[in-house]
Amino acid sequence: MTGLNLALLSVYDMMKDVDRNMMLSGIRLESETSSEGRPFLFDNAYENINF
């Protein structure tokens, strides 16, 4: 996730002269397997919550 955010910030930095109002959103972890082998799947019920 950190690597993805850094890559998107680099894209934003390159494109800010084109459109300063652009927004990066919808960044989330879809699935993962923990070191113990337990899977994590994103629950779509939480998709529309605004923090």
PDB file of N, CA and C in Angstrom:
ATOM      1  N   MET A   1       0.818  -1.183   0.000  1.00  0.00           N
ATOM      2  CA  MET A   1       0.000   0.000   0.000  1.00  0.00           C
ATOM      3  C   MET A   1       0.868   1.255   0.000  1.00  0.00           C
ATOM      4  N   THR A   2       1.953   1.204   0.753  1.00  0.00           N
ATOM      5  CA  THR A   2       2.828   2.377   0.788  1.00  0.00           C
ATOM      6  C   THR A   2       3.441   2.637  -0.573  1.00  0.00           C
ATOM      7  N   GLY A   3       3.892   1.569  -1.233  1.00  0.00           N
ATOM      8  CA  GLY A   3       4.482   1.709  -2.564  1.00  0.00           C
ATOM      9  C   GLY A   3       3.482   2.253  -3.573  1.00  0.00           C
ATOM     10  N   LEU A   4       2.258   1.799  -3.493  1.00  0.00           N
ATOM     11  CA  LEU A   4       1.211   2.284  -4.390  1.00  0.00           C
ATOM     12  C   LEU A   4       0.951   3.766  -4.163  1.00  0.00           C
ATOM     13  N   ASN A   5       0.853   4.168  -2.910  1.00  0.00           N
ATOM     14  CA  ASN A   5       0.613   5.588  -2.611  1.00  0.00           C
ATOM     15  C   ASN A   5       1.759   6.460  -3.084  1.00  0.00           C
ATOM     16  N   LEU A   6       2.993   6.004  -2.922  1.00  0.00           N
ATOM     17  CA  LEU A   6       4.136   6.773  -3.409  1.00  0.00           C
ATOM     18  C   LEU A   6       4.120   6.895  -4.924  1.00  0.00           C
ATOM     19  N   ALA A   7       3.755   5.811  -5.603  1.00  0.00           N
ATOM     20  CA  ALA A   7       3.678   5.861  -7.066  1.00  0.00           C
ATOM     21  C   ALA A   7       2.591   6.835  -7.523  1.00  0.00           C
ATOM     22  N   LEU A   8       1.438   6.816  -6.847  1.00  0.00           N
ATOM     23  CA  LEU A   8       0.358   7.728  -7.218  1.00  0.00           C
ATOM     24  C   LEU A   8       0.715   9.175  -6.919  1.00  0.00           C
ATOM     25  N   LEU A   9       1.440   9.421  -5.843  1.00  0.00           N
ATOM     26  CA  LEU A   9       1.886  10.781  -5.553  1.00  0.00           C
ATOM     27  C   LEU A   9       2.873  11.267  -6.604  1.00  0.00           C
ATOM     28  N   SER A  10       3.686  10.369  -7.133  1.00  0.00           N
ATOM     29  CA  SER A  10       4.605  10.737  -8.208  1.00  0.00           C
ATOM     30  C   SER A  10       3.831  11.114  -9.471  1.00  0.00           C
ATOM     31  N   VAL A  11       2.789  10.350  -9.783  1.00  0.00           N
ATOM     32  CA  VAL A  11       1.944  10.670 -10.935  1.00  0.00           C
ATOM     33  C   VAL A  11       1.265  12.019 -10.719  1.00  0.00           C
ATOM     34  N   TYR A  12       0.747  12.248  -9.510  1.00  0.00           N
ATOM     35  CA  TYR A  12       0.112  13.529  -9.199  1.00  0.00           C
ATOM     36  C   TYR A  12       1.099  14.678  -9.387  1.00  0.00           C
ATOM     37  N   ASP A  13       2.317  14.490  -8.905  1.00  0.00           N
ATOM     38  CA  ASP A  13       3.337  15.534  -9.017  1.00  0.00           C
ATOM     39  C   ASP A  13       3.625  15.862 -10.484  1.00  0.00           C
ATOM     40  N   MET A  14       3.655  14.838 -11.333  1.00  0.00           N
ATOM     41  CA  MET A  14       3.919  15.076 -12.757  1.00  0.00           C
ATOM     42  C   MET A  14       2.735  15.726 -13.465  1.00  0.00           C
ATOM     43  N   MET A  15       1.524  15.472 -12.992  1.00  0.00           N
ATOM     44  CA  MET A  15       0.326  15.947 -13.678  1.00  0.00           C
ATOM     45  C   MET A  15      -0.278  17.216 -13.079  1.00  0.00           C
ATOM     46  N   LYS A  16       0.267  17.738 -11.985  1.00  0.00           N
ATOM     47  CA  LYS A  16      -0.377  18.874 -11.321  1.00  0.00           C
ATOM     48  C   LYS A  16      -0.400  20.138 -12.172  1.00  0.00           C
ATOM     49  N   ASP A  17       0.503  20.270 -13.131  1.00  0.00           N
ATOM     50  CA  ASP A  17       0.448  21.421 -14.027  1.00  0.00           C
ATOM     51  C   ASP A  17      -0.733  21.330 -14.995  1.00  0.00           C
ATOM     52  N   VAL A  18      -1.192  20.130 -15.278  1.00  0.00           N
ATOM     53  CA  VAL A  18      -2.316  19.920 -16.185  1.00  0.00           C
ATOM     54  C   VAL A  18      -3.642  20.212 -15.474  1.00  0.00           C
ATOM     55  N   ASP A  19      -3.782  19.674 -14.249  1.00  0.00           N
ATOM     56  CA  ASP A  19      -5.037  19.853 -13.513  1.00  0.00           C
ATOM     57  C   ASP A  19      -4.769  19.804 -12.014  1.00  0.00           C
ATOM     58  N   ARG A  20      -4.800  20.938 -11.367  1.00  0.00           N
ATOM     59  CA  ARG A  20      -4.541  21.001  -9.923  1.00  0.00           C
ATOM     60  C   ARG A  20      -5.713  20.483  -9.096  1.00  0.00           C
ATOM     61  N   ASN A  21      -6.877  20.315  -9.684  1.00  0.00           N
ATOM     62  CA  ASN A  21      -8.059  19.860  -8.953  1.00  0.00           C
ATOM     63  C   ASN A  21      -8.225  18.345  -8.952  1.00  0.00           C
ATOM     64  N   MET A  22      -7.314  17.606  -9.570  1.00  0.00           N
ATOM     65  CA  MET A  22      -7.475  16.164  -9.614  1.00  0.00           C
ATOM     66  C   MET A  22      -7.349  15.571  -8.209  1.00  0.00           C
ATOM     67  N   MET A  23      -8.017  14.440  -8.026  1.00  0.00           N
ATOM     68  CA  MET A  23      -8.015  13.770  -6.730  1.00  0.00           C
ATOM     69  C   MET A  23      -7.673  12.299  -6.921  1.00  0.00           C
ATOM     70  N   LEU A  24      -6.922  11.757  -5.991  1.00  0.00           N
ATOM     71  CA  LEU A  24      -6.643  10.329  -5.956  1.00  0.00           C
ATOM     72  C   LEU A  24      -7.554   9.738  -4.888  1.00  0.00           C
ATOM     73  N   SER A  25      -8.410   8.803  -5.267  1.00  0.00           N
ATOM     74  CA  SER A  25      -9.348   8.237  -4.303  1.00  0.00           C
ATOM     75  C   SER A  25      -9.605   6.775  -4.616  1.00  0.00           C
ATOM     76  N   GLY A  26     -10.272   6.130  -3.694  1.00  0.00           N
ATOM     77  CA  GLY A  26     -10.635   4.731  -3.895  1.00  0.00           C
ATOM     78  C   GLY A  26      -9.470   3.769  -3.729  1.00  0.00           C
ATOM     79  N   ILE A  27      -8.452   4.174  -2.998  1.00  0.00           N
ATOM     80  CA  ILE A  27      -7.297   3.300  -2.765  1.00  0.00           C
ATOM     81  C   ILE A  27      -7.630   2.398  -1.591  1.00  0.00           C
ATOM     82  N   ARG A  28      -7.631   1.109  -1.826  1.00  0.00           N
ATOM     83  CA  ARG A  28      -7.963   0.172  -0.755  1.00  0.00           C
ATOM     84  C   ARG A  28      -7.321  -1.177  -1.005  1.00  0.00           C
ATOM     85  N   LEU A  29      -7.225  -1.951   0.029  1.00  0.00           N
ATOM     86  CA  LEU A  29      -6.713  -3.309  -0.047  1.00  0.00           C
ATOM     87  C   LEU A  29      -7.878  -4.237  -0.372  1.00  0.00           C
ATOM     88  N   GLU A  30      -7.807  -4.932  -1.489  1.00  0.00           N
ATOM     89  CA  GLU A  30      -8.878  -5.847  -1.899  1.00  0.00           C
ATOM     90  C   GLU A  30      -8.773  -7.196  -1.198  1.00  0.00           C
ATOM     91  N   SER A  31      -7.564  -7.750  -1.165  1.00  0.00           N
ATOM     92  CA  SER A  31      -7.381  -9.049  -0.513  1.00  0.00           C
ATOM     93  C   SER A  31      -5.930  -9.209  -0.092  1.00  0.00           C
ATOM     94  N   GLU A  32      -5.728 -10.091   0.874  1.00  0.00           N
ATOM     95  CA  GLU A  32      -4.389 -10.315   1.404  1.00  0.00           C
ATOM     96  C   GLU A  32      -4.415 -11.635   2.162  1.00  0.00           C
ATOM     97  N   THR A  33      -3.273 -12.282   2.247  1.00  0.00           N
ATOM     98  CA  THR A  33      -3.122 -13.456   3.100  1.00  0.00           C
ATOM     99  C   THR A  33      -2.092 -13.118   4.159  1.00  0.00           C
ATOM    100  N   SER A  34      -2.471 -13.279   5.429  1.00  0.00           N
ATOM    101  CA  SER A  34      -1.573 -12.926   6.527  1.00  0.00           C
ATOM    102  C   SER A  34      -0.457 -13.955   6.650  1.00  0.00           C
ATOM    103  N   SER A  35       0.518 -13.636   7.471  1.00  0.00           N
ATOM    104  CA  SER A  35       1.641 -14.564   7.669  1.00  0.00           C
ATOM    105  C   SER A  35       1.171 -15.855   8.337  1.00  0.00           C
ATOM    106  N   GLU A  36       0.017 -15.804   9.022  1.00  0.00           N
ATOM    107  CA  GLU A  36      -0.542 -17.011   9.635  1.00  0.00           C
ATOM    108  C   GLU A  36      -1.402 -17.802   8.653  1.00  0.00           C
ATOM    109  N   GLY A  37      -1.563 -17.294   7.437  1.00  0.00           N
ATOM    110  CA  GLY A  37      -2.337 -17.990   6.426  1.00  0.00           C
ATOM    111  C   GLY A  37      -3.809 -17.628   6.405  1.00  0.00           C
ATOM    112  N   ARG A  38      -4.217 -16.645   7.227  1.00  0.00           N
ATOM    113  CA  ARG A  38      -5.620 -16.235   7.247  1.00  0.00           C
ATOM    114  C   ARG A  38      -5.881 -15.227   6.134  1.00  0.00           C
ATOM    115  N   PRO A  39      -6.897 -15.455   5.312  1.00  0.00           N
ATOM    116  CA  PRO A  39      -7.194 -14.517   4.224  1.00  0.00           C
ATOM    117  C   PRO A  39      -7.982 -13.298   4.717  1.00  0.00           C
ATOM    118  N   PHE A  40      -7.789 -12.190   4.030  1.00  0.00           N
ATOM    119  CA  PHE A  40      -8.572 -10.973   4.250  1.00  0.00           C
ATOM    120  C   PHE A  40      -9.195 -10.619   2.917  1.00  0.00           C
ATOM    121  N   LEU A  41     -10.497 -10.386   2.902  1.00  0.00           N
ATOM    122  CA  LEU A  41     -11.202  -9.936   1.706  1.00  0.00           C
ATOM    123  C   LEU A  41     -11.954  -8.657   2.048  1.00  0.00           C
ATOM    124  N   PHE A  42     -11.876  -7.664   1.176  1.00  0.00           N
ATOM    125  CA  PHE A  42     -12.564  -6.395   1.387  1.00  0.00           C
ATOM    126  C   PHE A  42     -14.068  -6.609   1.387  1.00  0.00           C
ATOM    127  N   ASP A  43     -14.760  -6.028   2.339  1.00  0.00           N
ATOM    128  CA  ASP A  43     -16.213  -6.134   2.440  1.00  0.00           C
ATOM    129  C   ASP A  43     -16.843  -4.913   1.781  1.00  0.00           C
ATOM    130  N   ASN A  44     -17.591  -5.113   0.721  1.00  0.00           N
ATOM    131  CA  ASN A  44     -18.200  -4.004  -0.026  1.00  0.00           C
ATOM    132  C   ASN A  44     -19.209  -3.212   0.793  1.00  0.00           C
ATOM    133  N   ALA A  45     -19.642  -3.725   1.939  1.00  0.00           N
ATOM    134  CA  ALA A  45     -20.590  -2.992   2.777  1.00  0.00           C
ATOM    135  C   ALA A  45     -19.976  -1.698   3.291  1.00  0.00           C
ATOM    136  N   TYR A  46     -18.668  -1.633   3.388  1.00  0.00           N
ATOM    137  CA  TYR A  46     -17.980  -0.446   3.901  1.00  0.00           C
ATOM    138  C   TYR A  46     -17.500   0.483   2.789  1.00  0.00           C
ATOM    139  N   GLU A  47     -17.826   0.178   1.562  1.00  0.00           N
ATOM    140  CA  GLU A  47     -17.302   0.918   0.420  1.00  0.00           C
ATOM    141  C   GLU A  47     -17.740   2.385   0.385  1.00  0.00           C
ATOM    142  N   ASN A  48     -18.932   2.702   0.808  1.00  0.00           N
ATOM    143  CA  ASN A  48     -19.455   4.061   0.685  1.00  0.00           C
ATOM    144  C   ASN A  48     -19.392   4.876   1.974  1.00  0.00           C
ATOM    145  N   ILE A  49     -18.571   4.462   2.921  1.00  0.00           N
ATOM    146  CA  ILE A  49     -18.418   5.220   4.159  1.00  0.00           C
ATOM    147  C   ILE A  49     -17.431   6.342   3.932  1.00  0.00           C
ATOM    148  N   ASN A  50     -17.803   7.560   4.297  1.00  0.00           N
ATOM    149  CA  ASN A  50     -16.921   8.708   4.173  1.00  0.00           C
ATOM    150  C   ASN A  50     -16.332   9.032   5.544  1.00  0.00           C
ATOM    151  N   PHE A  51     -15.015   9.129   5.602  1.00  0.00           N
ATOM    152  CA  PHE A  51     -14.348   9.436   6.869  1.00  0.00           C
ATOM    153  C   PHE A  51     -14.049  10.901   6.971  1.00  0.00           C
TER     154      PHE A  51
END
